[in-house]
Amino acid sequence: MRYALVPIVLLALAGASAPPDRQSAAATELTTTPGALVEAEVEGKPVRLQLRAGGPDRLILNGETVARLGIKRADFFGSASFSVAGRREFKGESRPLDFVIGGMKQKGRAFWFTDAPPQTGDGSIGPLALPQARLRFDLGPAAADQKLYAFPYYGAINGQSLTAHELSPGLRMGVSFDLEETGPYPIASAAAGAVIANDHGGTVSGASWDVEIIFGVKRPVRLMTLERPFVFGPFAFRQIAVRVRNRVDAAGHGADIPEAGAVEDPSEVVVTANAKGVKPVHSFAIPRAAFAPCSTLLFDKAAKTISVMCRPAV
């Protein structure tokens, strides 16, 4: 395999951490809608949490919430850091604690990052950190022409929930279902965008703009237009926001994508050098807008699948 899938967002603890204790939850399910806040308890005190589909899975609290609840960092393994594609963005703290969500109690580790902008409500949590076996997002009304598409469930509790797509034999791309992304285009890393461009006749055009990855962290992207759509499950994309090729982080490493309207100069001299460095990230985030023809997104940890009920685009 040339490169294993890597999540866009990673959490790193200063020391080893055991997975959270789990109740027997094989038949339990928690249902929500994109952006909704759910009532929960942390250390016996009420909080409101956002259930994230495409962000970090760990329980992450706002700094103000941590102060209000009187939570202190753990004496051992209490340091933490928040990284995006290998670049550390925030330092933070953590501690094991008890929380209740959807009527089920869980013992897990909470994180907070004082330099990160506050989240809506008191914090967020993703599927892998929940005590429930399944997390269901209701997206809209069911329709007779919708079909079920199931994908293998990958990811790690210190990262994010995602699946994979084989770009070519031995080369997998991590795919996240990012209901929190409000932009109109899916977002691809530079390396993934270059492979998709090569396979589907892609060119980039126009000026770059910034997209928010998570917690106020922004990265530049450009618009890539494809001659042939990139199809993934029920989705078909002809335009993709691709990370600008740069050295900001590993998701900015990749090959050049042709400019729209560029005329190739047959006499052009190109000098290249082979140099070892950080392996590029191959990642792809599907935004909320793409789920308009869908009624359900389900993360099923027991079955190890992520599934969507959607009308097929093609």
Foldseek 3Di string as FASTA:
>chain_A
DQDDADFQKFKDWPDDDDFWDADPAQPFEDEDAAPDWFWKFWQRHIWTAGEWQFWAAAWEFEPVLCVVVVPDADPPRFKMFIDGQAHTDFIWTKDWTWMGGPNDIIIGMYIYTHPFDHDPITTYHYDSNDNHQKYKHFQDDDDPQWDKDKFFWDDDNRTHIWGWDDLDVPDIATETAGQVFPDDAKEWFQAQVQSCCVVFVKAWDDDWDWGDPPRRDIFIWTKIAGPAWDDDTQFTDRIHTYGDQDVPHLSNHHDDGHHPPDDDDPPDDDDDDDDDDDHHHTYIYHYSNRCPQWGMWMDGNSVRITMTTGRRPD
